[in-house]
């Protein structure tokens, strides 16, 4: 078995683990800092909305135009009076995108570009997008996002409980805010491809969270019938038992997306790949982070506010203190079922597993037989 596979098996059995829940204040603080940075970037720089949302015109020139991309950009900005985005296509033609202009001004810009580029105006293809159509697209995108979040909360509240639904909702908002903030800071154009990527990463983030929640739900059945673990202990075990799986799925998903972003977008200069791959890359990373460091610790916080869980925690801590006073150490990673241990059971003692009883029985005590 590989080292990673062996690590995953040991995490799943509870032999080793990292206390994510105990250090939740660190993760909360880090997430708040990242979220504030994203919000500031969004407020200061704003989103670079694409032509589909603002309206405007896209002009496509003939093949092998004898001007550079930068020169064509200057011509387009001079003709339109607006910022222009120029991309060189694979066949040598240029795609000139000018947002925020009225459709009736498109013919004037087209004729001016024809003179500057020294090509026939009939050879320049113009596609017009009205601002009202862009507004409708934006409204539909927000409606789709709102419906998605509402359905997610309802499903999780039915399948699990309202605390898990609330924690998942907070994690999703966390992922959306960070992704949108990164878009504002980087300055990438927001297109329908961006919206598709955003909805995709929300589904992935939700899947990762549900995997942990399902493990947590299974392990917390009849939790109050024992005095060995608190709810936070079991929540931490759930994170650790699914940790390697979460890392593996995230890395496998990020590799092809990174190829799209850094090779397809950066090297090949494919604009549409940039639009969708950045949202996927940031969203996948943020979704994996929030599932481990935000959603489950938040569930533990909410759950331990219940009177029953408060009483359980008090009993568990009292029992551990009693064990510590006797010089004993309680086992927290045991896989014994909760229902098998009575409430007044003595704390377990750490020692070698599968030790024969005859080696320890009666040691240090009189045998009752005269010598």
Protein backbone atom coordinates (compact mmCIF):
# COMPACT_ATOMS: atom_id res chain seq x y z
CA UNK A 1 0.00 0.00 0.00
CA UNK A 2 1.28 3.51 -0.81
CA UNK A 3 2.16 5.96 1.95
CA UNK A 4 -0.89 8.09 1.10
CA UNK A 5 -3.15 5.04 1.12
CA UNK A 6 -1.71 3.90 4.45
CA UNK A 7 -2.23 7.40 5.84
CA UNK A 8 -5.84 7.39 4.68
CA UNK A 9 -6.48 4.00 6.26
CA UNK A 10 -5.01 5.14 9.58
CA UNK A 11 -7.06 8.35 9.48
CA UNK A 12 -10.21 6.37 8.74
CA UNK A 13 -9.58 3.99 11.67
CA UNK A 14 -8.95 6.91 14.00
CA UNK A 15 -5.38 5.85 14.79
CA UNK A 16 -4.07 9.31 13.90
CA UNK A 17 -5.76 12.61 13.21
CA UNK A 18 -5.56 16.39 13.34
CA UNK A 19 -7.90 18.34 15.59
CA UNK A 20 -9.61 20.57 13.04
CA UNK A 21 -12.55 21.40 15.30
CA UNK A 22 -10.40 22.46 18.24
CA UNK A 23 -8.56 25.00 16.06
CA UNK A 24 -11.73 26.26 14.40
CA UNK A 25 -11.18 29.86 15.56
CA UNK A 26 -8.00 29.95 13.47
CA UNK A 27 -9.91 28.77 10.37
CA UNK A 28 -12.77 31.19 11.05
CA UNK A 29 -10.31 34.08 11.35
CA UNK A 30 -8.48 33.09 8.16
CA UNK A 31 -11.75 32.80 6.25
CA UNK A 32 -12.96 36.17 7.52
CA UNK A 33 -9.67 37.77 6.43
CA UNK A 34 -9.88 36.24 2.94
CA UNK A 35 -13.56 37.17 2.62
CA UNK A 36 -12.92 40.78 3.66
CA UNK A 37 -10.11 41.00 1.09
CA UNK A 38 -12.47 39.67 -1.58
CA UNK A 39 -15.22 42.14 -0.63
CA UNK A 40 -12.78 45.07 -0.64
CA UNK A 41 -11.52 44.03 -4.08
CA UNK A 42 -15.09 43.78 -5.31
CA UNK A 43 -16.00 47.20 -3.89
CA UNK A 44 -12.87 48.99 -5.13
CA UNK A 45 -12.30 47.42 -8.55
CA UNK A 46 -15.71 45.98 -9.33
CA UNK A 47 -16.42 43.22 -11.83
CA UNK A 48 -15.34 43.45 -15.43
CA UNK A 49 -18.68 42.53 -16.92
CA UNK A 50 -18.59 41.03 -20.38
CA UNK A 51 -20.42 42.23 -23.43
CA UNK A 52 -23.21 39.70 -22.81
CA UNK A 53 -24.13 41.63 -19.64
CA UNK A 54 -23.41 45.21 -20.75
CA UNK A 55 -24.42 45.11 -24.36
CA UNK A 56 -22.21 46.25 -27.23
CA UNK A 57 -20.73 44.90 -30.45
CA UNK A 58 -18.22 42.27 -31.58
CA UNK A 59 -16.36 42.82 -34.84
CA UNK A 60 -14.49 40.01 -36.57
CA UNK A 61 -11.94 40.99 -39.23
CA UNK A 62 -10.82 38.96 -42.26
CA UNK A 63 -7.88 36.58 -42.01
CA UNK A 64 -4.27 37.79 -41.88
CA UNK A 65 -4.97 41.44 -41.14
CA UNK A 66 -1.71 43.39 -41.38
CA UNK A 67 -1.98 45.08 -37.96
CA UNK A 68 -0.97 43.95 -34.50
CA UNK A 69 -3.38 43.28 -31.65
CA UNK A 70 -2.27 46.40 -29.77
CA UNK A 71 -2.66 48.58 -32.85
CA UNK A 72 -6.15 47.19 -33.53
CA UNK A 73 -7.07 47.90 -29.92
CA UNK A 74 -6.03 51.54 -30.32
CA UNK A 75 -8.07 51.85 -33.51
CA UNK A 76 -11.16 50.33 -31.85
CA UNK A 77 -10.93 52.58 -28.79
CA UNK A 78 -10.46 55.63 -30.96
CA UNK A 79 -13.45 54.74 -33.14
CA UNK A 80 -15.81 53.87 -30.30
CA UNK A 81 -14.67 56.04 -27.41
CA UNK A 82 -14.83 52.96 -25.15
CA UNK A 83 -12.37 50.36 -23.94
CA UNK A 84 -11.90 47.54 -26.41
CA UNK A 85 -10.70 43.94 -26.10
CA UNK A 86 -8.90 42.47 -29.11
CA UNK A 87 -8.02 38.79 -29.50
CA UNK A 88 -6.17 37.09 -32.33
CA UNK A 89 -8.02 33.97 -33.44
CA UNK A 90 -6.41 30.77 -34.67
CA UNK A 91 -7.00 31.56 -38.36
CA UNK A 92 -5.24 34.93 -38.11
CA UNK A 93 -8.39 37.06 -37.88
CA UNK A 94 -9.03 39.52 -35.07
CA UNK A 95 -11.98 39.57 -32.68
CA UNK A 96 -12.66 43.14 -31.52
CA UNK A 97 -15.08 43.48 -28.64
CA UNK A 98 -16.47 46.86 -27.59
CA UNK A 99 -18.89 46.92 -24.65
CA UNK A 100 -21.27 49.63 -23.51
CA UNK A 101 -22.09 51.15 -26.90
CA UNK A 102 -25.47 51.69 -28.52
CA UNK A 103 -26.31 49.32 -31.33
CA UNK A 104 -27.03 52.20 -33.75
CA UNK A 105 -23.41 53.35 -33.38
CA UNK A 106 -22.07 49.97 -34.52
CA UNK A 107 -22.14 50.85 -38.25
CA UNK A 108 -20.14 54.02 -37.64
CA UNK A 109 -17.50 52.07 -35.68
CA UNK A 110 -17.42 49.38 -38.36
CA UNK A 111 -16.76 51.92 -41.11
CA UNK A 112 -14.03 53.60 -39.09
CA UNK A 113 -12.36 50.25 -38.42
CA UNK A 114 -12.58 49.48 -42.13
CA UNK A 115 -10.61 52.64 -42.93
CA UNK A 116 -8.03 52.12 -40.18
CA UNK A 117 -7.46 48.43 -40.90
CA UNK A 118 -7.53 49.02 -44.67
CA UNK A 119 -10.07 46.29 -45.37
CA UNK A 120 -13.48 46.30 -47.03
CA UNK A 121 -16.27 47.02 -44.51
CA UNK A 122 -18.25 44.14 -46.00
CA UNK A 123 -15.50 41.78 -44.85
CA UNK A 124 -15.90 42.83 -41.20
CA UNK A 125 -18.58 40.80 -39.45
CA UNK A 126 -20.50 42.66 -36.73
CA UNK A 127 -22.53 40.99 -33.97
CA UNK A 128 -24.68 43.28 -31.83
CA UNK A 129 -25.83 42.66 -28.27
CA UNK A 130 -28.45 44.99 -26.81
CA UNK A 131 -28.13 46.15 -23.18
CA UNK A 132 -31.63 44.93 -22.35
CA UNK A 133 -30.66 41.39 -23.36
CA UNK A 134 -27.61 41.61 -21.09
CA UNK A 135 -29.78 42.70 -18.18
CA UNK A 136 -32.07 39.73 -18.75
CA UNK A 137 -29.09 37.36 -18.71
CA UNK A 138 -27.84 38.88 -15.44
CA UNK A 139 -31.30 38.63 -13.85
CA UNK A 140 -31.65 34.99 -14.92
CA UNK A 141 -28.22 34.22 -13.49
CA UNK A 142 -29.12 35.70 -10.09
CA UNK A 143 -32.48 33.90 -10.12
CA UNK A 144 -30.79 30.59 -10.88
CA UNK A 145 -28.28 31.11 -8.07
CA UNK A 146 -31.03 32.01 -5.59
CA UNK A 147 -33.17 28.99 -6.52
CA UNK A 148 -30.12 26.73 -6.25
CA UNK A 149 -29.30 27.95 -2.73
CA UNK A 150 -32.91 27.61 -1.55
CA UNK A 151 -33.17 24.04 -2.86
CA UNK A 152 -29.84 23.16 -1.23
CA UNK A 153 -30.98 24.40 2.17
CA UNK A 154 -34.31 22.56 1.92
CA UNK A 155 -32.67 19.30 0.84
CA UNK A 156 -30.03 19.35 3.59
CA UNK A 157 -32.60 20.26 6.23
CA UNK A 158 -34.67 17.22 5.22
CA UNK A 159 -31.80 14.78 4.63
CA UNK A 160 -29.79 15.83 7.68
CA UNK A 161 -30.92 18.69 9.94
CA UNK A 162 -31.25 22.46 9.88
CA UNK A 163 -27.86 23.04 11.53
CA UNK A 164 -26.08 21.19 8.75
CA UNK A 165 -28.19 23.05 6.17
CA UNK A 166 -27.17 26.38 7.74
CA UNK A 167 -23.49 25.40 7.87
CA UNK A 168 -23.54 24.28 4.21
CA UNK A 169 -25.26 27.53 3.22
CA UNK A 170 -22.57 29.59 5.01
CA UNK A 171 -19.86 27.53 3.26
CA UNK A 172 -21.46 28.11 -0.16
CA UNK A 173 -21.73 31.87 0.42
CA UNK A 174 -18.09 31.78 1.55
CA UNK A 175 -17.09 30.08 -1.72
CA UNK A 176 -19.14 32.45 -3.89
CA UNK A 177 -17.72 35.55 -2.19
CA UNK A 178 -14.11 34.42 -2.53
CA UNK A 179 -14.52 33.41 -6.18
CA UNK A 180 -16.24 36.66 -7.15
CA UNK A 181 -13.68 38.68 -5.19
CA UNK A 182 -10.79 36.96 -6.97
CA UNK A 183 -12.47 37.78 -10.30
CA UNK A 184 -12.61 41.43 -9.30
CA UNK A 185 -8.96 41.50 -8.15
CA UNK A 186 -7.63 39.70 -11.24
CA UNK A 187 -9.82 41.68 -13.63
CA UNK A 188 -10.99 38.74 -15.74
CA UNK A 189 -14.08 39.33 -17.80
CA UNK A 190 -17.35 37.98 -16.43
CA UNK A 191 -19.15 36.03 -19.16
CA UNK A 192 -21.87 33.35 -19.25
CA UNK A 193 -18.98 30.87 -19.03
CA UNK A 194 -18.13 32.40 -15.65
CA UNK A 195 -21.68 31.80 -14.42
CA UNK A 196 -21.54 28.19 -15.61
CA UNK A 197 -18.23 27.68 -13.80
CA UNK A 198 -19.61 29.26 -10.63
CA UNK A 199 -22.65 26.98 -10.54
CA UNK A 200 -20.40 24.00 -11.24
CA UNK A 201 -18.10 24.66 -8.29
CA UNK A 202 -21.09 25.18 -5.98
CA UNK A 203 -22.27 21.68 -6.83
CA UNK A 204 -18.80 20.29 -6.20
CA UNK A 205 -18.45 22.13 -2.89
CA UNK A 206 -21.83 20.84 -1.79
CA UNK A 207 -20.89 17.27 -2.69
CA UNK A 208 -17.68 17.49 -0.65
CA UNK A 209 -19.62 18.88 2.33
CA UNK A 210 -22.34 16.23 2.13
CA UNK A 211 -19.71 13.45 2.21
CA UNK A 212 -18.45 14.72 5.58
CA UNK A 213 -21.98 15.35 6.88
CA UNK A 214 -23.07 11.83 5.95
CA UNK A 215 -20.16 10.37 7.91
CA UNK A 216 -20.95 12.67 10.83
CA UNK A 217 -24.63 11.72 10.83
CA UNK A 218 -23.77 8.02 10.84
CA UNK A 219 -21.27 8.32 13.68
CA UNK A 220 -23.45 10.47 15.96
CA UNK A 221 -26.34 8.03 16.24
CA UNK A 222 -27.02 7.29 19.91
CA UNK A 223 -24.17 9.62 20.82
CA UNK A 224 -25.70 10.60 24.16
CA UNK A 225 -25.73 6.95 25.34
CA UNK A 226 -21.98 6.96 25.91
CA UNK A 227 -19.45 9.07 27.80
CA UNK A 228 -16.38 8.57 25.67
CA UNK A 229 -16.73 11.28 22.99
CA UNK A 230 -18.25 14.73 22.65
CA UNK A 231 -19.95 15.87 19.47
CA UNK A 232 -16.83 17.83 18.52
CA UNK A 233 -14.72 14.68 18.90
CA UNK A 234 -16.94 12.78 16.49
CA UNK A 235 -17.07 15.74 14.07
CA UNK A 236 -13.30 15.77 14.06
CA UNK A 237 -13.20 12.02 13.39
CA UNK A 238 -15.56 12.52 10.47
CA UNK A 239 -13.28 15.12 8.90
CA UNK A 240 -10.19 12.98 9.38
CA UNK A 241 -11.84 9.82 8.06
CA UNK A 242 -12.77 11.57 4.79
CA UNK A 243 -9.72 13.84 4.59
CA UNK A 244 -7.63 11.85 2.13
CA UNK A 245 -10.67 11.28 -0.08
CA UNK A 246 -11.36 15.01 -0.14
CA UNK A 247 -7.74 15.81 -0.97
CA UNK A 248 -7.62 13.20 -3.73
CA UNK A 249 -10.84 14.33 -5.41
CA UNK A 250 -9.81 17.99 -5.17
CA UNK A 251 -6.36 17.42 -6.67
CA UNK A 252 -7.77 15.25 -9.47
CA UNK A 253 -10.34 17.94 -10.27
CA UNK A 254 -7.84 20.81 -10.07
CA UNK A 255 -5.24 19.30 -12.42
CA UNK A 256 -7.27 19.54 -15.67
CA UNK A 257 -8.69 22.91 -14.62
CA UNK A 258 -5.15 24.18 -13.99
CA UNK A 259 -4.27 22.99 -17.49
CA UNK A 260 -7.13 25.04 -18.91
CA UNK A 261 -6.20 28.11 -16.89
CA UNK A 262 -2.43 28.23 -17.17
CA UNK A 263 -1.84 26.50 -20.51
CA UNK A 264 -5.07 27.09 -22.42
CA UNK A 265 -5.64 30.61 -21.12
CA UNK A 266 -2.11 31.76 -20.34
CA UNK A 267 -0.06 30.20 -23.14
CA UNK A 268 -2.62 29.87 -25.93
CA UNK A 269 -4.44 33.07 -25.02
CA UNK A 270 -7.91 31.59 -25.21
CA UNK A 271 -10.20 34.12 -23.56
CA UNK A 272 -13.21 31.87 -23.04
CA UNK A 273 -11.01 29.31 -21.28
CA UNK A 274 -9.88 32.03 -18.89
CA UNK A 275 -13.47 32.94 -18.08
CA UNK A 276 -14.57 29.48 -17.05
CA UNK A 277 -11.31 27.99 -15.76
CA UNK A 278 -10.55 30.72 -13.19
CA UNK A 279 -13.95 30.33 -11.54
CA UNK A 280 -13.51 26.56 -11.50
CA UNK A 281 -9.96 26.69 -10.12
CA UNK A 282 -10.68 29.17 -7.32
CA UNK A 283 -14.06 27.65 -6.55
CA UNK A 284 -12.81 24.06 -6.31
CA UNK A 285 -10.01 25.07 -3.93
CA UNK A 286 -12.35 27.23 -1.82
CA UNK A 287 -15.00 24.49 -1.78
CA UNK A 288 -12.58 21.87 -0.48
CA UNK A 289 -11.32 24.30 2.16
CA UNK A 290 -14.79 25.30 3.35
CA UNK A 291 -15.99 21.69 3.59
CA UNK A 292 -13.16 20.80 5.98
CA UNK A 293 -12.44 24.01 7.86
CA UNK A 294 -15.79 25.85 7.88
CA UNK A 295 -18.88 23.67 7.44
CA UNK A 296 -18.17 20.82 9.86
CA UNK A 297 -16.63 22.92 12.68
CA UNK A 298 -19.63 25.27 12.39
CA UNK A 299 -22.00 22.31 12.73
CA UNK A 300 -20.13 21.25 15.88
CA UNK A 301 -20.45 24.78 17.28
CA UNK A 302 -24.19 24.89 16.62
CA UNK A 303 -24.83 21.34 17.81
CA UNK A 304 -23.02 21.74 21.13
CA UNK A 305 -25.37 24.59 22.03
CA UNK A 306 -28.11 22.00 22.54
CA UNK A 307 -28.82 21.11 26.20
CA UNK A 308 -28.34 17.39 25.54
CA UNK A 309 -24.95 17.95 23.93
CA UNK A 310 -23.92 20.36 26.67
CA UNK A 311 -24.75 17.71 29.27
CA UNK A 312 -22.87 15.07 27.26
CA UNK A 313 -19.79 17.27 27.03
CA UNK A 314 -19.93 17.90 30.77
CA UNK A 315 -20.08 14.15 31.49
CA UNK A 316 -17.28 13.35 29.06
CA UNK A 317 -14.99 16.04 30.47
CA UNK A 318 -15.74 14.93 34.03
CA UNK A 319 -14.92 11.35 33.14
CA UNK A 320 -11.68 12.36 31.48
CA UNK A 321 -10.71 14.41 34.52
CA UNK A 322 -11.42 11.40 36.71
CA UNK A 323 -9.29 9.20 34.47
CA UNK A 324 -6.47 11.75 34.51
CA UNK A 325 -6.59 11.90 38.31
CA UNK A 326 -6.14 8.13 38.40
CA UNK A 327 -3.18 8.34 36.04
CA UNK A 328 -5.11 6.77 33.18
CA UNK A 329 -5.54 7.98 29.60
CA UNK A 330 -8.83 7.65 27.81
CA UNK A 331 -8.90 6.21 24.31
CA UNK A 332 -10.56 8.59 21.84
CA UNK A 333 -9.94 6.72 18.61
CA UNK A 334 -11.61 3.43 19.55
CA UNK A 335 -13.98 2.07 16.91
CA UNK A 336 -16.31 0.51 19.45
CA UNK A 337 -19.99 1.21 18.79
CA UNK A 338 -21.61 3.80 21.01
CA UNK A 339 -24.41 1.56 22.12
CA UNK A 340 -22.02 -1.10 23.44
CA UNK A 341 -20.75 1.02 26.29
CA UNK A 342 -22.91 1.77 29.34
CA UNK A 343 -22.97 5.29 30.69
CA UNK A 344 -21.04 4.39 33.85
CA UNK A 345 -18.37 2.43 32.05
CA UNK A 346 -14.85 2.92 33.34
CA UNK A 347 -12.50 4.87 31.09
CA UNK A 348 -10.38 2.81 28.80
CA UNK A 349 -6.65 2.54 29.41
CA UNK A 350 -4.15 2.97 26.65
CA UNK A 351 -2.12 -0.14 26.05
CA UNK A 352 -1.12 -2.63 23.37
CA UNK A 353 -4.05 -3.83 21.30
CA UNK A 354 -5.06 -7.51 21.44
CA UNK A 355 -3.09 -8.09 24.64
CA UNK A 356 -3.99 -11.45 26.22
CA UNK A 357 -5.94 -11.09 29.42
CA UNK A 358 -3.78 -13.69 31.25
CA UNK A 359 -0.75 -11.40 31.08
CA UNK A 360 -2.36 -8.65 33.09
CA UNK A 361 -4.93 -10.44 35.19
CA UNK A 362 -3.96 -10.68 38.85
CA UNK A 363 -0.61 -8.97 38.38
CA UNK A 364 0.53 -7.25 41.60
CA UNK A 365 -2.21 -8.90 43.72
CA UNK A 366 -2.13 -11.91 46.09
CA UNK A 367 -3.30 -15.07 44.37
CA UNK A 368 -5.18 -16.22 47.47
CA UNK A 369 -3.00 -19.32 47.76
CA UNK A 370 -0.67 -19.83 50.73
CA UNK A 371 2.93 -20.45 49.94
